[in-house]
Amino acid sequence: MDGQTLESLADLICGDGEDSPVYRSGPKLTSFFKRVGFSNFVHDRTTRKWWTLDVLNQLTDKGGLPVRHLFFHAGGGNGNR
């Protein structure tokens, strides 16, 4: 996945985009990634978007980025608010 797409996905997940349905604080980002099966990522109080993008890059490098699953949950489904 190219960098621009990953950055857009990071915006959607953390709620930084204009059309993002859900704003997620640092702890909510940690909960989000736990909910989608990645409990080894804990937000470290850095900038939410760049931390999220770093996580997505790590998952992409490992071949473990479940894009459909992330999009479903990023939209606020299943109590992500």
N, C-alpha and C. Protein backbone atom coordinates (compact mmCIF):
# COMPACT_ATOMS: atom_id res chain seq x y z
N MET A 1 0.86 -1.16 0.00
CA MET A 1 0.00 0.00 0.00
C MET A 1 0.91 1.23 0.00
N ASP A 2 0.57 2.22 -0.81
CA ASP A 2 1.43 3.40 -0.92
C ASP A 2 1.27 4.32 0.31
N GLY A 3 2.26 5.20 0.47
CA GLY A 3 2.31 6.07 1.64
C GLY A 3 1.12 6.99 1.79
N GLN A 4 0.62 7.52 0.68
CA GLN A 4 -0.52 8.43 0.74
C GLN A 4 -1.78 7.71 1.23
N THR A 5 -1.96 6.49 0.77
CA THR A 5 -3.11 5.70 1.21
C THR A 5 -3.01 5.38 2.70
N LEU A 6 -1.81 5.00 3.13
CA LEU A 6 -1.62 4.72 4.56
C LEU A 6 -1.87 5.96 5.41
N GLU A 7 -1.43 7.12 4.92
CA GLU A 7 -1.65 8.36 5.67
C GLU A 7 -3.15 8.68 5.76
N SER A 8 -3.88 8.45 4.67
CA SER A 8 -5.33 8.67 4.69
C SER A 8 -6.01 7.72 5.67
N LEU A 9 -5.55 6.48 5.69
CA LEU A 9 -6.10 5.50 6.63
C LEU A 9 -5.79 5.90 8.07
N ALA A 10 -4.59 6.41 8.31
CA ALA A 10 -4.23 6.89 9.65
C ALA A 10 -5.14 8.04 10.07
N ASP A 11 -5.42 8.97 9.14
CA ASP A 11 -6.35 10.07 9.44
C ASP A 11 -7.72 9.53 9.84
N LEU A 12 -8.20 8.55 9.09
CA LEU A 12 -9.52 7.97 9.36
C LEU A 12 -9.54 7.28 10.73
N ILE A 13 -8.52 6.51 11.01
CA ILE A 13 -8.48 5.76 12.27
C ILE A 13 -8.39 6.69 13.47
N CYS A 14 -7.54 7.70 13.41
CA CYS A 14 -7.38 8.55 14.61
C CYS A 14 -8.37 9.70 14.65
N GLY A 15 -9.05 9.96 13.53
CA GLY A 15 -10.09 10.98 13.54
C GLY A 15 -9.60 12.37 13.19
N ASP A 16 -8.49 12.46 12.48
CA ASP A 16 -7.95 13.77 12.12
C ASP A 16 -8.52 14.35 10.83
N GLY A 17 -9.10 13.53 10.00
CA GLY A 17 -9.64 14.03 8.73
C GLY A 17 -10.95 14.77 8.92
N GLU A 18 -11.26 15.66 7.98
CA GLU A 18 -12.51 16.43 8.05
C GLU A 18 -13.74 15.52 8.09
N ASP A 19 -13.68 14.43 7.36
CA ASP A 19 -14.83 13.53 7.26
C ASP A 19 -14.72 12.31 8.17
N SER A 20 -13.79 12.34 9.10
CA SER A 20 -13.61 11.20 9.99
C SER A 20 -14.81 11.08 10.92
N PRO A 21 -15.37 9.88 11.00
CA PRO A 21 -16.58 9.70 11.81
C PRO A 21 -16.33 9.66 13.32
N VAL A 22 -15.09 9.34 13.74
CA VAL A 22 -14.80 9.15 15.16
C VAL A 22 -13.45 9.76 15.49
N TYR A 23 -13.39 10.56 16.56
CA TYR A 23 -12.11 11.05 17.08
C TYR A 23 -11.64 10.06 18.13
N ARG A 24 -10.38 9.64 18.01
CA ARG A 24 -9.82 8.72 19.01
C ARG A 24 -8.63 9.37 19.71
N SER A 25 -8.70 9.41 21.02
CA SER A 25 -7.57 9.87 21.84
C SER A 25 -6.51 8.77 21.82
N GLY A 26 -5.36 9.04 22.42
CA GLY A 26 -4.30 8.03 22.48
C GLY A 26 -4.76 6.71 23.08
N PRO A 27 -5.40 6.71 24.26
CA PRO A 27 -5.88 5.45 24.83
C PRO A 27 -6.92 4.75 23.94
N LYS A 28 -7.75 5.54 23.25
CA LYS A 28 -8.74 4.94 22.36
C LYS A 28 -8.06 4.29 21.15
N LEU A 29 -6.93 4.87 20.70
CA LEU A 29 -6.17 4.25 19.61
C LEU A 29 -5.60 2.90 20.04
N THR A 30 -5.08 2.86 21.26
CA THR A 30 -4.58 1.59 21.80
C THR A 30 -5.71 0.57 21.83
N SER A 31 -6.88 0.98 22.31
CA SER A 31 -8.05 0.08 22.35
C SER A 31 -8.47 -0.36 20.96
N PHE A 32 -8.43 0.57 20.01
CA PHE A 32 -8.80 0.25 18.63
C PHE A 32 -7.91 -0.87 18.09
N PHE A 33 -6.61 -0.72 18.23
CA PHE A 33 -5.71 -1.74 17.69
C PHE A 33 -5.84 -3.06 18.44
N LYS A 34 -6.13 -3.01 19.74
CA LYS A 34 -6.38 -4.25 20.48
C LYS A 34 -7.62 -4.94 19.93
N ARG A 35 -8.67 -4.15 19.67
CA ARG A 35 -9.93 -4.69 19.17
C ARG A 35 -9.78 -5.38 17.82
N VAL A 36 -8.85 -4.89 17.00
CA VAL A 36 -8.67 -5.51 15.68
C VAL A 36 -7.55 -6.55 15.69
N GLY A 37 -7.10 -6.92 16.90
CA GLY A 37 -6.19 -8.05 17.01
C GLY A 37 -4.71 -7.74 17.17
N PHE A 38 -4.38 -6.48 17.46
CA PHE A 38 -2.98 -6.10 17.60
C PHE A 38 -2.75 -5.48 18.98
N SER A 39 -2.63 -6.33 19.99
CA SER A 39 -2.51 -5.84 21.36
C SER A 39 -1.09 -5.39 21.72
N ASN A 40 -0.15 -5.56 20.80
CA ASN A 40 1.23 -5.18 21.11
C ASN A 40 1.51 -3.71 20.84
N PHE A 41 0.51 -2.94 20.40
CA PHE A 41 0.71 -1.51 20.14
C PHE A 41 0.02 -0.69 21.22
N VAL A 42 0.81 0.11 21.93
CA VAL A 42 0.29 0.97 22.99
C VAL A 42 0.72 2.40 22.67
N HIS A 43 -0.26 3.28 22.58
CA HIS A 43 0.05 4.68 22.23
C HIS A 43 1.02 5.26 23.26
N ASP A 44 2.03 5.95 22.77
CA ASP A 44 3.11 6.44 23.62
C ASP A 44 3.06 7.95 23.88
N ARG A 45 1.89 8.53 23.72
CA ARG A 45 1.64 9.96 23.97
C ARG A 45 2.28 10.88 22.92
N THR A 46 2.72 10.31 21.80
CA THR A 46 3.21 11.13 20.71
C THR A 46 2.00 11.57 19.87
N THR A 47 2.26 12.32 18.82
CA THR A 47 1.18 12.80 17.95
C THR A 47 0.39 11.60 17.42
N ARG A 48 -0.92 11.64 17.61
CA ARG A 48 -1.80 10.51 17.28
C ARG A 48 -1.66 10.05 15.83
N LYS A 49 -1.71 11.00 14.89
CA LYS A 49 -1.66 10.61 13.48
C LYS A 49 -0.35 9.91 13.13
N TRP A 50 0.77 10.49 13.57
CA TRP A 50 2.07 9.91 13.20
C TRP A 50 2.30 8.59 13.89
N TRP A 51 1.81 8.44 15.13
CA TRP A 51 1.90 7.16 15.81
C TRP A 51 1.08 6.11 15.05
N THR A 52 -0.14 6.48 14.67
CA THR A 52 -1.01 5.56 13.94
C THR A 52 -0.37 5.18 12.60
N LEU A 53 0.19 6.14 11.90
CA LEU A 53 0.86 5.86 10.63
C LEU A 53 2.04 4.92 10.85
N ASP A 54 2.79 5.12 11.92
CA ASP A 54 3.91 4.23 12.23
C ASP A 54 3.42 2.80 12.46
N VAL A 55 2.32 2.65 13.19
CA VAL A 55 1.75 1.32 13.43
C VAL A 55 1.35 0.69 12.09
N LEU A 56 0.66 1.45 11.24
CA LEU A 56 0.24 0.92 9.94
C LEU A 56 1.44 0.51 9.09
N ASN A 57 2.50 1.31 9.13
CA ASN A 57 3.72 0.95 8.38
C ASN A 57 4.33 -0.33 8.92
N GLN A 58 4.35 -0.49 10.24
CA GLN A 58 4.89 -1.71 10.83
C GLN A 58 4.06 -2.92 10.42
N LEU A 59 2.74 -2.78 10.42
CA LEU A 59 1.88 -3.88 10.02
C LEU A 59 2.05 -4.20 8.54
N THR A 60 2.23 -3.19 7.73
CA THR A 60 2.43 -3.39 6.29
C THR A 60 3.75 -4.12 6.05
N ASP A 61 4.79 -3.71 6.75
CA ASP A 61 6.10 -4.34 6.60
C ASP A 61 6.06 -5.82 6.98
N LYS A 62 5.20 -6.15 7.93
CA LYS A 62 5.08 -7.54 8.38
C LYS A 62 4.05 -8.32 7.57
N GLY A 63 3.39 -7.65 6.64
CA GLY A 63 2.37 -8.31 5.83
C GLY A 63 1.09 -8.59 6.60
N GLY A 64 0.86 -7.87 7.69
CA GLY A 64 -0.29 -8.16 8.53
C GLY A 64 -1.33 -7.06 8.58
N LEU A 65 -1.44 -6.24 7.53
CA LEU A 65 -2.39 -5.14 7.55
C LEU A 65 -3.74 -5.60 6.99
N PRO A 66 -4.72 -5.87 7.86
CA PRO A 66 -6.04 -6.31 7.43
C PRO A 66 -6.91 -5.11 7.06
N VAL A 67 -6.73 -4.60 5.86
CA VAL A 67 -7.33 -3.34 5.46
C VAL A 67 -8.85 -3.33 5.62
N ARG A 68 -9.54 -4.32 5.16
CA ARG A 68 -11.01 -4.34 5.27
C ARG A 68 -11.46 -4.30 6.73
N HIS A 69 -10.78 -5.07 7.54
CA HIS A 69 -11.11 -5.12 8.97
C HIS A 69 -10.88 -3.75 9.61
N LEU A 70 -9.77 -3.09 9.27
CA LEU A 70 -9.48 -1.77 9.83
C LEU A 70 -10.51 -0.74 9.38
N PHE A 71 -10.88 -0.75 8.09
CA PHE A 71 -11.88 0.20 7.59
C PHE A 71 -13.21 0.00 8.30
N PHE A 72 -13.62 -1.24 8.50
CA PHE A 72 -14.89 -1.51 9.18
C PHE A 72 -14.88 -0.89 10.58
N HIS A 73 -13.82 -1.15 11.31
CA HIS A 73 -13.75 -0.65 12.69
C HIS A 73 -13.45 0.83 12.76
N ALA A 74 -12.73 1.38 11.79
CA ALA A 74 -12.37 2.80 11.80
C ALA A 74 -13.60 3.68 11.68
N GLY A 75 -14.63 3.17 11.03
CA GLY A 75 -15.84 3.95 10.83
C GLY A 75 -16.72 4.11 12.04
N GLY A 76 -16.32 3.54 13.15
CA GLY A 76 -17.10 3.71 14.38
C GLY A 76 -17.98 2.53 14.68
N GLY A 77 -17.91 1.47 13.91
CA GLY A 77 -18.72 0.28 14.17
C GLY A 77 -18.29 -0.42 15.44
N ASN A 78 -19.18 -1.16 16.03
CA ASN A 78 -18.89 -1.99 17.20
C ASN A 78 -18.37 -1.23 18.40
N GLY A 79 -18.94 -0.09 18.71
CA GLY A 79 -18.62 0.63 19.94
C GLY A 79 -17.27 1.30 19.98
N ASN A 80 -16.76 1.78 18.87
CA ASN A 80 -15.46 2.43 18.85
C ASN A 80 -15.51 3.89 19.25
N ARG A 81 -16.64 4.40 19.64
CA ARG A 81 -16.75 5.81 19.98
C ARG A 81 -16.38 6.06 21.41
